[in-house]
Amino acid sequence: MRRIHPIYAAALLLLAATVAVAIAAGGAGVGQAGGRSASVHDDSPGGAAALRRYLEAMGAQTVVAEGDVFAIPSGTAVLFILGVDETVSPEDVTLVKDFVDRGGVLIVATDIGFFERPILEQLGVHTGGVALSGLHPLTNAAFAEPPARSIAIDRGVTFTPDQGRVILATDGKGPLV
């Protein structure tokens, strides 16, 4: 049997990785039809500007932490990490873990969990397979007041928490939040 030349095997692996990343990130850019940026500056359906305005209308102070310098201002009670599109440094991971260890609340919204993975892993939450799209019923009491009966997922990943971690929402089959 003839062996495949190592350069051809490497090229095939790179092609497969490129295709996988392209499929996973497809439609996630700003300005693309149906795309999502998760940016607090984006007013499109894929942005989070409405969420930021809602929080501010409810009296919460919001601060955007982005770019090369990531800092969590003192007095912050809740940190949203929305659709990270750049590498998270080990220093950033430590800042987030320290924030959570001091009692801060962390909310992560992600499609594939690629850039958020170091933060999640440090907190004992691991990404699993692909989340099933569709409407999932909420079967536990965490969302009873105000009532939330279901959560809609169009694409995402499943999370597998370490033992002892709190699951906020389940559809009776597995953890959703």
Protein backbone atom coordinates (compact mmCIF):
# COMPACT_ATOMS: atom_id res chain seq x y z
CA MET A 1 0.00 0.00 0.00
CA ARG A 2 1.26 3.43 -0.96
CA ARG A 3 1.74 6.03 1.79
CA ILE A 4 0.33 9.53 1.51
CA HIS A 5 3.01 12.18 1.41
CA PRO A 6 2.99 14.17 4.71
CA ILE A 7 2.58 17.51 2.91
CA TYR A 8 -0.63 16.27 1.26
CA ALA A 9 -1.96 15.02 4.58
CA ALA A 10 -1.20 18.39 6.20
CA ALA A 11 -2.89 20.23 3.33
CA LEU A 12 -5.99 18.04 3.67
CA LEU A 13 -6.15 18.70 7.43
CA LEU A 14 -5.82 22.45 6.88
CA LEU A 15 -8.58 22.37 4.27
CA ALA A 16 -10.88 20.43 6.61
CA ALA A 17 -10.17 22.87 9.47
CA THR A 18 -10.83 25.86 7.20
CA VAL A 19 -14.15 24.43 6.04
CA ALA A 20 -15.18 23.62 9.64
CA VAL A 21 -14.40 27.16 10.83
CA ALA A 22 -16.18 28.69 7.83
CA ILE A 23 -19.30 26.63 8.52
CA ALA A 24 -19.24 27.38 12.26
CA ALA A 25 -18.74 31.13 11.75
CA GLY A 26 -21.00 31.48 8.72
CA GLY A 27 -23.31 34.45 8.93
CA ALA A 28 -21.79 35.74 12.13
CA GLY A 29 -20.40 38.97 10.73
CA VAL A 30 -21.76 42.49 10.90
CA GLY A 31 -23.62 43.58 7.81
CA GLN A 32 -24.28 40.12 6.45
CA ALA A 33 -27.86 39.15 5.78
CA GLY A 34 -29.09 37.43 8.92
CA GLY A 35 -25.68 37.97 10.55
CA ARG A 36 -25.07 38.58 14.22
CA SER A 37 -22.50 40.77 15.82
CA ALA A 38 -23.79 40.67 19.43
CA SER A 39 -22.38 44.19 19.64
CA VAL A 40 -23.97 46.71 21.99
CA HIS A 41 -23.49 49.22 19.16
CA ASP A 42 -25.46 47.13 16.61
CA ASP A 43 -29.18 47.98 16.29
CA SER A 44 -29.87 45.12 13.87
CA PRO A 45 -31.68 41.97 15.05
CA GLY A 46 -28.27 40.34 15.56
CA GLY A 47 -26.99 43.11 17.82
CA ALA A 48 -27.34 43.82 21.50
CA ALA A 49 -28.00 47.58 21.39
CA ALA A 50 -31.63 47.05 22.44
CA LEU A 51 -30.48 45.01 25.46
CA ARG A 52 -28.12 47.79 26.49
CA ARG A 53 -30.83 50.46 26.14
CA TYR A 54 -33.24 48.27 28.13
CA LEU A 55 -30.76 47.83 30.97
CA GLU A 56 -30.02 51.56 31.03
CA ALA A 57 -33.76 52.37 31.06
CA MET A 58 -34.09 50.10 34.10
CA GLY A 59 -31.45 52.20 35.88
CA ALA A 60 -28.39 50.04 35.33
CA GLN A 61 -25.13 51.69 34.37
CA THR A 62 -23.53 49.99 31.36
CA VAL A 63 -19.89 50.16 30.35
CA VAL A 64 -18.47 48.66 27.18
CA ALA A 65 -15.28 46.66 27.75
CA GLU A 66 -13.66 45.94 24.40
CA GLY A 67 -10.41 46.29 22.55
CA ASP A 68 -6.88 45.77 23.81
CA VAL A 69 -7.53 46.85 27.39
CA PHE A 70 -10.10 44.73 29.21
CA ALA A 71 -11.06 45.85 32.68
CA ILE A 72 -14.05 45.28 34.93
CA PRO A 73 -14.88 48.56 36.70
CA SER A 74 -15.18 48.37 40.49
CA GLY A 75 -18.76 48.18 41.65
CA THR A 76 -19.79 46.02 38.70
CA ALA A 77 -22.38 43.44 39.74
CA VAL A 78 -23.18 41.75 36.41
CA LEU A 79 -20.83 41.15 33.48
CA PHE A 80 -22.22 40.23 30.06
CA ILE A 81 -19.83 38.59 27.59
CA LEU A 82 -21.58 38.68 24.22
CA GLY A 83 -20.27 37.02 21.07
CA VAL A 84 -16.53 37.37 21.64
CA ASP A 85 -14.73 37.78 18.31
CA GLU A 86 -11.13 38.05 19.48
CA THR A 87 -8.73 35.95 21.51
CA VAL A 88 -9.24 36.11 25.27
CA SER A 89 -5.90 36.49 27.07
CA PRO A 90 -4.96 34.53 30.20
CA GLU A 91 -5.01 37.86 32.08
CA ASP A 92 -8.62 38.45 30.94
CA VAL A 93 -9.58 34.95 32.09
CA THR A 94 -8.07 35.66 35.52
CA LEU A 95 -9.96 38.99 35.77
CA VAL A 96 -13.27 37.29 34.96
CA LYS A 97 -12.64 34.39 37.36
CA ASP A 98 -11.71 36.79 40.18
CA PHE A 99 -14.88 38.80 39.46
CA VAL A 100 -17.04 35.66 39.73
CA ASP A 101 -15.15 34.45 42.84
CA ARG A 102 -15.95 37.80 44.52
CA GLY A 103 -19.68 37.17 43.92
CA GLY A 104 -20.14 38.85 40.54
CA VAL A 105 -22.66 37.43 38.09
CA LEU A 106 -21.34 36.40 34.67
CA ILE A 107 -23.65 35.96 31.67
CA VAL A 108 -22.09 34.50 28.52
CA ALA A 109 -23.95 34.52 25.20
CA THR A 110 -22.22 32.59 22.43
CA ASP A 111 -22.93 30.74 19.22
CA ILE A 112 -20.05 28.28 19.17
CA GLY A 113 -18.10 29.10 22.33
CA PHE A 114 -14.77 29.25 20.51
CA PHE A 115 -13.20 32.41 21.96
CA GLU A 116 -15.14 32.16 25.24
CA ARG A 117 -13.89 28.64 25.91
CA PRO A 118 -10.91 29.62 28.15
CA ILE A 119 -13.23 31.59 30.45
CA LEU A 120 -15.83 28.83 30.56
CA GLU A 121 -13.23 26.12 31.21
CA GLN A 122 -11.72 28.13 34.09
CA LEU A 123 -15.19 28.35 35.66
CA GLY A 124 -15.91 24.63 35.32
CA VAL A 125 -18.22 24.84 32.31
CA HIS A 126 -17.28 22.90 29.20
CA THR A 127 -18.67 23.14 25.69
CA GLY A 128 -20.14 19.95 24.34
CA GLY A 129 -21.91 19.25 21.09
CA VAL A 130 -24.13 21.36 18.90
CA ALA A 131 -27.34 22.59 20.55
CA LEU A 132 -30.55 21.51 18.86
CA SER A 133 -32.29 24.44 17.23
CA GLY A 134 -35.91 25.15 18.01
CA LEU A 135 -38.13 25.99 20.94
CA HIS A 136 -37.21 24.29 24.22
CA PRO A 137 -39.62 24.26 27.18
CA LEU A 138 -38.26 25.44 30.53
CA THR A 139 -39.17 22.82 33.12
CA ASN A 140 -37.69 24.19 36.34
CA ALA A 141 -38.70 26.93 38.75
CA ALA A 142 -35.81 29.35 38.14
CA PHE A 143 -37.83 31.26 35.54
CA ALA A 144 -41.22 31.11 37.27
CA GLU A 145 -41.38 34.81 38.19
CA PRO A 146 -41.58 36.55 35.81
CA PRO A 147 -42.84 33.54 33.89
CA ALA A 148 -40.73 32.17 31.07
CA ARG A 149 -42.05 28.98 29.55
CA SER A 150 -39.57 28.37 26.74
CA ILE A 151 -36.28 29.43 25.20
CA ALA A 152 -35.62 29.61 21.46
CA ILE A 153 -32.28 28.48 20.07
CA ASP A 154 -31.32 28.94 16.45
CA ARG A 155 -27.71 27.80 16.78
CA GLY A 156 -25.30 27.25 19.60
CA VAL A 157 -23.40 24.73 21.66
CA THR A 158 -24.33 22.65 24.65
CA PHE A 159 -22.68 23.26 28.00
CA THR A 160 -21.55 20.57 30.40
CA PRO A 161 -20.95 21.97 33.89
CA ASP A 162 -18.68 20.39 36.48
CA GLN A 163 -20.25 18.67 39.51
CA GLY A 164 -21.78 21.16 41.91
CA ARG A 165 -22.46 23.88 39.33
CA VAL A 166 -25.95 25.39 39.30
CA ILE A 167 -28.14 24.79 36.25
CA LEU A 168 -30.55 27.70 35.82
CA ALA A 169 -32.67 26.29 33.01
CA THR A 170 -33.40 22.82 31.71
CA ASP A 171 -35.81 21.38 29.20
CA GLY A 172 -35.92 18.14 31.17
CA LYS A 173 -33.34 16.55 28.84
CA GLY A 174 -30.23 18.57 29.59
CA PRO A 175 -28.95 21.93 30.85
CA LEU A 176 -29.85 24.96 28.72
CA VAL A 177 -28.55 27.80 30.87
